[in-house]
Amino acid sequence: MNAIIYGIIVILFMLNIVLALLYLSARRSPYYVVYDEETKNALKRRVLHLKEDLESELVDFDIVEWEKTLEESIEEEIRNL
């Protein structure tokens, strides 16, 4: 009976060591990426450029024309069936 208790204690002790090592490993290598200042600025410029492009596309977008084109293409598909 004492051997079983000692065995359980040893297993639990080893499990604590493994968990502590995993915890320390996770703290040393974070999952997030740290960019240098030049890369951050390049990414910010790219996002700003993409945002401006999208906004200009939305200004030029005509929903009525798009709906008309969509209806025409649906009618054409129906005719082709």
PDB file of N, CA and C in Angstrom:
ATOM      1  N   MET A   1       0.825  -1.201   0.000  1.00  0.00           N
ATOM      2  CA  MET A   1       0.000   0.000   0.000  1.00  0.00           C
ATOM      3  C   MET A   1       0.863   1.257   0.000  1.00  0.00           C
ATOM      4  N   ASN A   2       1.929   1.248   0.784  1.00  0.00           N
ATOM      5  CA  ASN A   2       2.825   2.401   0.828  1.00  0.00           C
ATOM      6  C   ASN A   2       3.515   2.617  -0.512  1.00  0.00           C
ATOM      7  N   ALA A   3       3.807   1.555  -1.223  1.00  0.00           N
ATOM      8  CA  ALA A   3       4.472   1.669  -2.521  1.00  0.00           C
ATOM      9  C   ALA A   3       3.561   2.379  -3.527  1.00  0.00           C
ATOM     10  N   ILE A   4       2.273   2.117  -3.482  1.00  0.00           N
ATOM     11  CA  ILE A   4       1.328   2.769  -4.383  1.00  0.00           C
ATOM     12  C   ILE A   4       1.273   4.264  -4.089  1.00  0.00           C
ATOM     13  N   ILE A   5       1.236   4.622  -2.813  1.00  0.00           N
ATOM     14  CA  ILE A   5       1.182   6.036  -2.431  1.00  0.00           C
ATOM     15  C   ILE A   5       2.461   6.745  -2.864  1.00  0.00           C
ATOM     16  N   TYR A   6       3.617   6.106  -2.630  1.00  0.00           N
ATOM     17  CA  TYR A   6       4.879   6.705  -3.062  1.00  0.00           C
ATOM     18  C   TYR A   6       4.930   6.835  -4.590  1.00  0.00           C
ATOM     19  N   GLY A   7       4.423   5.860  -5.286  1.00  0.00           N
ATOM     20  CA  GLY A   7       4.380   5.907  -6.743  1.00  0.00           C
ATOM     21  C   GLY A   7       3.529   7.068  -7.242  1.00  0.00           C
ATOM     22  N   ILE A   8       2.369   7.267  -6.617  1.00  0.00           N
ATOM     23  CA  ILE A   8       1.486   8.373  -6.990  1.00  0.00           C
ATOM     24  C   ILE A   8       2.164   9.706  -6.713  1.00  0.00           C
ATOM     25  N   ILE A   9       2.833   9.816  -5.572  1.00  0.00           N
ATOM     26  CA  ILE A   9       3.531  11.056  -5.214  1.00  0.00           C
ATOM     27  C   ILE A   9       4.639  11.355  -6.225  1.00  0.00           C
ATOM     28  N   VAL A  10       5.406  10.331  -6.623  1.00  0.00           N
ATOM     29  CA  VAL A  10       6.487  10.526  -7.600  1.00  0.00           C
ATOM     30  C   VAL A  10       5.903  10.963  -8.948  1.00  0.00           C
ATOM     31  N   ILE A  11       4.816  10.324  -9.371  1.00  0.00           N
ATOM     32  CA  ILE A  11       4.183  10.680 -10.637  1.00  0.00           C
ATOM     33  C   ILE A  11       3.676  12.121 -10.604  1.00  0.00           C
ATOM     34  N   LEU A  12       3.021  12.516  -9.524  1.00  0.00           N
ATOM     35  CA  LEU A  12       2.529  13.885  -9.392  1.00  0.00           C
ATOM     36  C   LEU A  12       3.682  14.895  -9.356  1.00  0.00           C
ATOM     37  N   PHE A  13       4.772  14.542  -8.683  1.00  0.00           N
ATOM     38  CA  PHE A  13       5.936  15.422  -8.635  1.00  0.00           C
ATOM     39  C   PHE A  13       6.529  15.612 -10.035  1.00  0.00           C
ATOM     40  N   MET A  14       6.648  14.534 -10.789  1.00  0.00           N
ATOM     41  CA  MET A  14       7.181  14.621 -12.151  1.00  0.00           C
ATOM     42  C   MET A  14       6.237  15.412 -13.054  1.00  0.00           C
ATOM     43  N   LEU A  15       4.938  15.244 -12.848  1.00  0.00           N
ATOM     44  CA  LEU A  15       3.963  15.994 -13.630  1.00  0.00           C
ATOM     45  C   LEU A  15       4.096  17.491 -13.348  1.00  0.00           C
ATOM     46  N   ASN A  16       4.316  17.852 -12.104  1.00  0.00           N
ATOM     47  CA  ASN A  16       4.524  19.265 -11.763  1.00  0.00           C
ATOM     48  C   ASN A  16       5.773  19.817 -12.440  1.00  0.00           C
ATOM     49  N   ILE A  17       6.828  19.032 -12.498  1.00  0.00           N
ATOM     50  CA  ILE A  17       8.062  19.480 -13.159  1.00  0.00           C
ATOM     51  C   ILE A  17       7.809  19.696 -14.646  1.00  0.00           C
ATOM     52  N   VAL A  18       7.119  18.763 -15.301  1.00  0.00           N
ATOM     53  CA  VAL A  18       6.815  18.892 -16.724  1.00  0.00           C
ATOM     54  C   VAL A  18       5.963  20.131 -16.972  1.00  0.00           C
ATOM     55  N   LEU A  19       4.945  20.350 -16.160  1.00  0.00           N
ATOM     56  CA  LEU A  19       4.094  21.518 -16.330  1.00  0.00           C
ATOM     57  C   LEU A  19       4.872  22.814 -16.106  1.00  0.00           C
ATOM     58  N   ALA A  20       5.780  22.829 -15.151  1.00  0.00           N
ATOM     59  CA  ALA A  20       6.600  24.016 -14.904  1.00  0.00           C
ATOM     60  C   ALA A  20       7.507  24.288 -16.103  1.00  0.00           C
ATOM     61  N   LEU A  21       8.079  23.245 -16.686  1.00  0.00           N
ATOM     62  CA  LEU A  21       8.926  23.426 -17.867  1.00  0.00           C
ATOM     63  C   LEU A  21       8.125  23.943 -19.050  1.00  0.00           C
ATOM     64  N   LEU A  22       6.929  23.435 -19.244  1.00  0.00           N
ATOM     65  CA  LEU A  22       6.068  23.922 -20.326  1.00  0.00           C
ATOM     66  C   LEU A  22       5.695  25.385 -20.117  1.00  0.00           C
ATOM     67  N   TYR A  23       5.409  25.751 -18.875  1.00  0.00           N
ATOM     68  CA  TYR A  23       5.068  27.134 -18.556  1.00  0.00           C
ATOM     69  C   TYR A  23       6.248  28.065 -18.849  1.00  0.00           C
ATOM     70  N   LEU A  24       7.437  27.677 -18.411  1.00  0.00           N
ATOM     71  CA  LEU A  24       8.622  28.510 -18.655  1.00  0.00           C
ATOM     72  C   LEU A  24       8.925  28.606 -20.145  1.00  0.00           C
ATOM     73  N   SER A  25       8.750  27.525 -20.858  1.00  0.00           N
ATOM     74  CA  SER A  25       8.978  27.537 -22.301  1.00  0.00           C
ATOM     75  C   SER A  25       8.010  28.490 -23.007  1.00  0.00           C
ATOM     76  N   ALA A  26       6.767  28.477 -22.594  1.00  0.00           N
ATOM     77  CA  ALA A  26       5.767  29.355 -23.205  1.00  0.00           C
ATOM     78  C   ALA A  26       6.060  30.822 -22.895  1.00  0.00           C
ATOM     79  N   ARG A  27       6.575  31.103 -21.726  1.00  0.00           N
ATOM     80  CA  ARG A  27       6.887  32.497 -21.377  1.00  0.00           C
ATOM     81  C   ARG A  27       8.098  33.019 -22.133  1.00  0.00           C
ATOM     82  N   ARG A  28       9.040  32.145 -22.443  1.00  0.00           N
ATOM     83  CA  ARG A  28      10.256  32.583 -23.149  1.00  0.00           C
ATOM     84  C   ARG A  28      10.005  32.843 -24.617  1.00  0.00           C
ATOM     85  N   SER A  29       9.083  32.124 -25.221  1.00  0.00           N
ATOM     86  CA  SER A  29       8.831  32.308 -26.654  1.00  0.00           C
ATOM     87  C   SER A  29       7.376  32.724 -26.843  1.00  0.00           C
ATOM     88  N   PRO A  30       7.120  34.024 -26.781  1.00  0.00           N
ATOM     89  CA  PRO A  30       5.731  34.488 -26.914  1.00  0.00           C
ATOM     90  C   PRO A  30       5.197  34.209 -28.309  1.00  0.00           C
ATOM     91  N   TYR A  31       3.890  34.125 -28.402  1.00  0.00           N
ATOM     92  CA  TYR A  31       3.238  33.778 -29.659  1.00  0.00           C
ATOM     93  C   TYR A  31       3.062  34.988 -30.562  1.00  0.00           C
ATOM     94  N   TYR A  32       3.286  36.180 -30.078  1.00  0.00           N
ATOM     95  CA  TYR A  32       3.113  37.356 -30.906  1.00  0.00           C
ATOM     96  C   TYR A  32       4.448  37.733 -31.549  1.00  0.00           C
ATOM     97  N   VAL A  33       4.360  38.498 -32.631  1.00  0.00           N
ATOM     98  CA  VAL A  33       5.553  38.893 -33.377  1.00  0.00           C
ATOM     99  C   VAL A  33       5.824  40.368 -33.116  1.00  0.00           C
ATOM    100  N   VAL A  34       7.052  40.684 -32.865  1.00  0.00           N
ATOM    101  CA  VAL A  34       7.445  42.069 -32.641  1.00  0.00           C
ATOM    102  C   VAL A  34       8.136  42.561 -33.912  1.00  0.00           C
ATOM    103  N   TYR A  35       7.585  43.608 -34.505  1.00  0.00           N
ATOM    104  CA  TYR A  35       8.160  44.169 -35.723  1.00  0.00           C
ATOM    105  C   TYR A  35       9.069  45.333 -35.373  1.00  0.00           C
ATOM    106  N   ASP A  36      10.078  45.518 -36.185  1.00  0.00           N
ATOM    107  CA  ASP A  36      10.902  46.702 -35.996  1.00  0.00           C
ATOM    108  C   ASP A  36      10.137  47.921 -36.505  1.00  0.00           C
ATOM    109  N   GLU A  37      10.658  49.082 -36.197  1.00  0.00           N
ATOM    110  CA  GLU A  37       9.942  50.332 -36.493  1.00  0.00           C
ATOM    111  C   GLU A  37       9.727  50.522 -37.996  1.00  0.00           C
ATOM    112  N   GLU A  38      10.714  50.169 -38.801  1.00  0.00           N
ATOM    113  CA  GLU A  38      10.593  50.335 -40.251  1.00  0.00           C
ATOM    114  C   GLU A  38       9.490  49.436 -40.823  1.00  0.00           C
ATOM    115  N   THR A  39       9.431  48.216 -40.355  1.00  0.00           N
ATOM    116  CA  THR A  39       8.397  47.287 -40.829  1.00  0.00           C
ATOM    117  C   THR A  39       7.012  47.748 -40.395  1.00  0.00           C
ATOM    118  N   LYS A  40       6.897  48.218 -39.157  1.00  0.00           N
ATOM    119  CA  LYS A  40       5.606  48.729 -38.684  1.00  0.00           C
ATOM    120  C   LYS A  40       5.138  49.905 -39.528  1.00  0.00           C
ATOM    121  N   ASN A  41       6.048  50.812 -39.830  1.00  0.00           N
ATOM    122  CA  ASN A  41       5.682  51.976 -40.639  1.00  0.00           C
ATOM    123  C   ASN A  41       5.281  51.564 -42.050  1.00  0.00           C
ATOM    124  N   ALA A  42       5.994  50.586 -42.615  1.00  0.00           N
ATOM    125  CA  ALA A  42       5.643  50.106 -43.955  1.00  0.00           C
ATOM    126  C   ALA A  42       4.262  49.459 -43.948  1.00  0.00           C
ATOM    127  N   LEU A  43       3.970  48.686 -42.920  1.00  0.00           N
ATOM    128  CA  LEU A  43       2.650  48.059 -42.815  1.00  0.00           C
ATOM    129  C   LEU A  43       1.553  49.099 -42.646  1.00  0.00           C
ATOM    130  N   LYS A  44       1.813  50.117 -41.837  1.00  0.00           N
ATOM    131  CA  LYS A  44       0.821  51.183 -41.646  1.00  0.00           C
ATOM    132  C   LYS A  44       0.548  51.915 -42.952  1.00  0.00           C
ATOM    133  N   ARG A  45       1.635  52.224 -43.713  1.00  0.00           N
ATOM    134  CA  ARG A  45       1.456  52.891 -45.002  1.00  0.00           C
ATOM    135  C   ARG A  45       0.657  52.021 -45.965  1.00  0.00           C
ATOM    136  N   ARG A  46       0.938  50.733 -45.980  1.00  0.00           N
ATOM    137  CA  ARG A  46       0.230  49.821 -46.882  1.00  0.00           C
ATOM    138  C   ARG A  46      -1.252  49.742 -46.528  1.00  0.00           C
ATOM    139  N   VAL A  47      -1.558  49.641 -45.241  1.00  0.00           N
ATOM    140  CA  VAL A  47      -2.952  49.583 -44.810  1.00  0.00           C
ATOM    141  C   VAL A  47      -3.664  50.891 -45.143  1.00  0.00           C
ATOM    142  N   LEU A  48      -3.002  52.003 -44.916  1.00  0.00           N
ATOM    143  CA  LEU A  48      -3.597  53.303 -45.240  1.00  0.00           C
ATOM    144  C   LEU A  48      -3.853  53.417 -46.740  1.00  0.00           C
ATOM    145  N   HIS A  49      -2.905  52.952 -47.554  1.00  0.00           N
ATOM    146  CA  HIS A  49      -3.068  52.991 -49.007  1.00  0.00           C
ATOM    147  C   HIS A  49      -4.247  52.110 -49.436  1.00  0.00           C
ATOM    148  N   LEU A  50      -4.339  50.910 -48.861  1.00  0.00           N
ATOM    149  CA  LEU A  50      -5.451  50.017 -49.203  1.00  0.00           C
ATOM    150  C   LEU A  50      -6.793  50.618 -48.778  1.00  0.00           C
ATOM    151  N   LYS A  51      -6.806  51.283 -47.634  1.00  0.00           N
ATOM    152  CA  LYS A  51      -8.039  51.925 -47.161  1.00  0.00           C
ATOM    153  C   LYS A  51      -8.461  53.042 -48.114  1.00  0.00           C
ATOM    154  N   GLU A  52      -7.495  53.846 -48.540  1.00  0.00           N
ATOM    155  CA  GLU A  52      -7.808  54.923 -49.479  1.00  0.00           C
ATOM    156  C   GLU A  52      -8.312  54.370 -50.811  1.00  0.00           C
ATOM    157  N   ASP A  53      -7.688  53.291 -51.296  1.00  0.00           N
ATOM    158  CA  ASP A  53      -8.140  52.654 -52.538  1.00  0.00           C
ATOM    159  C   ASP A  53      -9.572  52.151 -52.404  1.00  0.00           C
ATOM    160  N   LEU A  54      -9.865  51.512 -51.290  1.00  0.00           N
ATOM    161  CA  LEU A  54     -11.213  50.990 -51.068  1.00  0.00           C
ATOM    162  C   LEU A  54     -12.236  52.114 -50.995  1.00  0.00           C
ATOM    163  N   GLU A  55     -11.887  53.187 -50.301  1.00  0.00           N
ATOM    164  CA  GLU A  55     -12.815  54.320 -50.211  1.00  0.00           C
ATOM    165  C   GLU A  55     -13.065  54.945 -51.577  1.00  0.00           C
ATOM    166  N   SER A  56     -12.030  55.049 -52.397  1.00  0.00           N
ATOM    167  CA  SER A  56     -12.229  55.617 -53.733  1.00  0.00           C
ATOM    168  C   SER A  56     -13.065  54.683 -54.597  1.00  0.00           C
ATOM    169  N   GLU A  57     -12.886  53.373 -54.436  1.00  0.00           N
ATOM    170  CA  GLU A  57     -13.710  52.413 -55.179  1.00  0.00           C
ATOM    171  C   GLU A  57     -15.177  52.529 -54.754  1.00  0.00           C
ATOM    172  N   LEU A  58     -15.409  52.719 -53.480  1.00  0.00           N
ATOM    173  CA  LEU A  58     -16.790  52.830 -52.995  1.00  0.00           C
ATOM    174  C   LEU A  58     -17.456  54.108 -53.479  1.00  0.00           C
ATOM    175  N   VAL A  59     -16.681  55.180 -53.618  1.00  0.00           N
ATOM    176  CA  VAL A  59     -17.236  56.433 -54.125  1.00  0.00           C
ATOM    177  C   VAL A  59     -17.662  56.257 -55.578  1.00  0.00           C
ATOM    178  N   ASP A  60     -16.846  55.546 -56.349  1.00  0.00           N
ATOM    179  CA  ASP A  60     -17.126  55.337 -57.767  1.00  0.00           C
ATOM    180  C   ASP A  60     -18.161  54.242 -58.014  1.00  0.00           C
ATOM    181  N   PHE A  61     -18.500  53.469 -57.004  1.00  0.00           N
ATOM    182  CA  PHE A  61     -19.396  52.340 -57.175  1.00  0.00           C
ATOM    183  C   PHE A  61     -20.840  52.817 -57.314  1.00  0.00           C
ATOM    184  N   ASP A  62     -21.492  52.377 -58.386  1.00  0.00           N
ATOM    185  CA  ASP A  62     -22.887  52.738 -58.643  1.00  0.00           C
ATOM    186  C   ASP A  62     -23.756  51.514 -58.412  1.00  0.00           C
ATOM    187  N   ILE A  63     -24.524  51.523 -57.350  1.00  0.00           N
ATOM    188  CA  ILE A  63     -25.329  50.356 -56.981  1.00  0.00           C
ATOM    189  C   ILE A  63     -26.414  50.067 -58.013  1.00  0.00           C
ATOM    190  N   VAL A  64     -26.975  51.104 -58.601  1.00  0.00           N
ATOM    191  CA  VAL A  64     -28.037  50.911 -59.597  1.00  0.00           C
ATOM    192  C   VAL A  64     -27.470  50.200 -60.824  1.00  0.00           C
ATOM    193  N   GLU A  65     -26.329  50.643 -61.274  1.00  0.00           N
ATOM    194  CA  GLU A  65     -25.684  50.014 -62.430  1.00  0.00           C
ATOM    195  C   GLU A  65     -25.306  48.569 -62.120  1.00  0.00           C
ATOM    196  N   TRP A  66     -24.814  48.338 -60.911  1.00  0.00           N
ATOM    197  CA  TRP A  66     -24.443  46.982 -60.501  1.00  0.00           C
ATOM    198  C   TRP A  66     -25.666  46.069 -60.488  1.00  0.00           C
ATOM    199  N   GLU A  67     -26.790  46.544 -59.926  1.00  0.00           N
ATOM    200  CA  GLU A  67     -28.015  45.745 -59.901  1.00  0.00           C
ATOM    201  C   GLU A  67     -28.496  45.437 -61.314  1.00  0.00           C
ATOM    202  N   LYS A  68     -28.417  46.422 -62.190  1.00  0.00           N
ATOM    203  CA  LYS A  68     -28.838  46.225 -63.580  1.00  0.00           C
ATOM    204  C   LYS A  68     -27.972  45.160 -64.262  1.00  0.00           C
ATOM    205  N   THR A  69     -26.676  45.250 -64.078  1.00  0.00           N
ATOM    206  CA  THR A  69     -25.755  44.266 -64.662  1.00  0.00           C
ATOM    207  C   THR A  69     -26.011  42.880 -64.090  1.00  0.00           C
ATOM    208  N   LEU A  70     -26.271  42.813 -62.808  1.00  0.00           N
ATOM    209  CA  LEU A  70     -26.552  41.539 -62.161  1.00  0.00           C
ATOM    210  C   LEU A  70     -27.835  40.924 -62.704  1.00  0.00           C
ATOM    211  N   GLU A  71     -28.865  41.707 -62.828  1.00  0.00           N
ATOM    212  CA  GLU A  71     -30.129  41.208 -63.375  1.00  0.00           C
ATOM    213  C   GLU A  71     -29.948  40.702 -64.804  1.00  0.00           C
ATOM    214  N   GLU A  72     -29.189  41.452 -65.612  1.00  0.00           N
ATOM    215  CA  GLU A  72     -28.943  41.031 -66.985  1.00  0.00           C
ATOM    216  C   GLU A  72     -28.192  39.707 -67.035  1.00  0.00           C
ATOM    217  N   SER A  73     -27.216  39.550 -66.191  1.00  0.00           N
ATOM    218  CA  SER A  73     -26.449  38.303 -66.213  1.00  0.00           C
ATOM    219  C   SER A  73     -27.295  37.128 -65.714  1.00  0.00           C
ATOM    220  N   ILE A  74     -28.178  37.380 -64.749  1.00  0.00           N
ATOM    221  CA  ILE A  74     -29.063  36.313 -64.275  1.00  0.00           C
ATOM    222  C   ILE A  74     -30.038  35.920 -65.381  1.00  0.00           C
ATOM    223  N   GLU A  75     -30.598  36.922 -66.072  1.00  0.00           N
ATOM    224  CA  GLU A  75     -31.507  36.614 -67.173  1.00  0.00           C
ATOM    225  C   GLU A  75     -30.806  35.846 -68.280  1.00  0.00           C
ATOM    226  N   GLU A  76     -29.569  36.207 -68.567  1.00  0.00           N
ATOM    227  CA  GLU A  76     -28.805  35.513 -69.589  1.00  0.00           C
ATOM    228  C   GLU A  76     -28.547  34.062 -69.184  1.00  0.00           C
ATOM    229  N   GLU A  77     -28.217  33.852 -67.918  1.00  0.00           N
ATOM    230  CA  GLU A  77     -28.005  32.488 -67.424  1.00  0.00           C
ATOM    231  C   GLU A  77     -29.275  31.661 -67.523  1.00  0.00           C
ATOM    232  N   ILE A  78     -30.410  32.282 -67.215  1.00  0.00           N
ATOM    233  CA  ILE A  78     -31.683  31.577 -67.299  1.00  0.00           C
ATOM    234  C   ILE A  78     -31.974  31.205 -68.750  1.00  0.00           C
ATOM    235  N   ARG A  79     -31.714  32.096 -69.671  1.00  0.00           N
ATOM    236  CA  ARG A  79     -31.926  31.803 -71.095  1.00  0.00           C
ATOM    237  C   ARG A  79     -31.032  30.672 -71.584  1.00  0.00           C
ATOM    238  N   ASN A  80     -29.832  30.609 -71.030  1.00  0.00           N
ATOM    239  CA  ASN A  80     -28.872  29.558 -71.448  1.00  0.00           C
ATOM    240  C   ASN A  80     -29.245  28.193 -70.889  1.00  0.00           C
ATOM    241  N   LEU A  81     -30.095  28.165 -69.901  1.00  0.00           N
ATOM    242  CA  LEU A  81     -30.523  26.861 -69.360  1.00  0.00           C
ATOM    243  C   LEU A  81     -31.490  26.250 -70.341  1.00  0.00           C
TER     244      LEU A  81
END
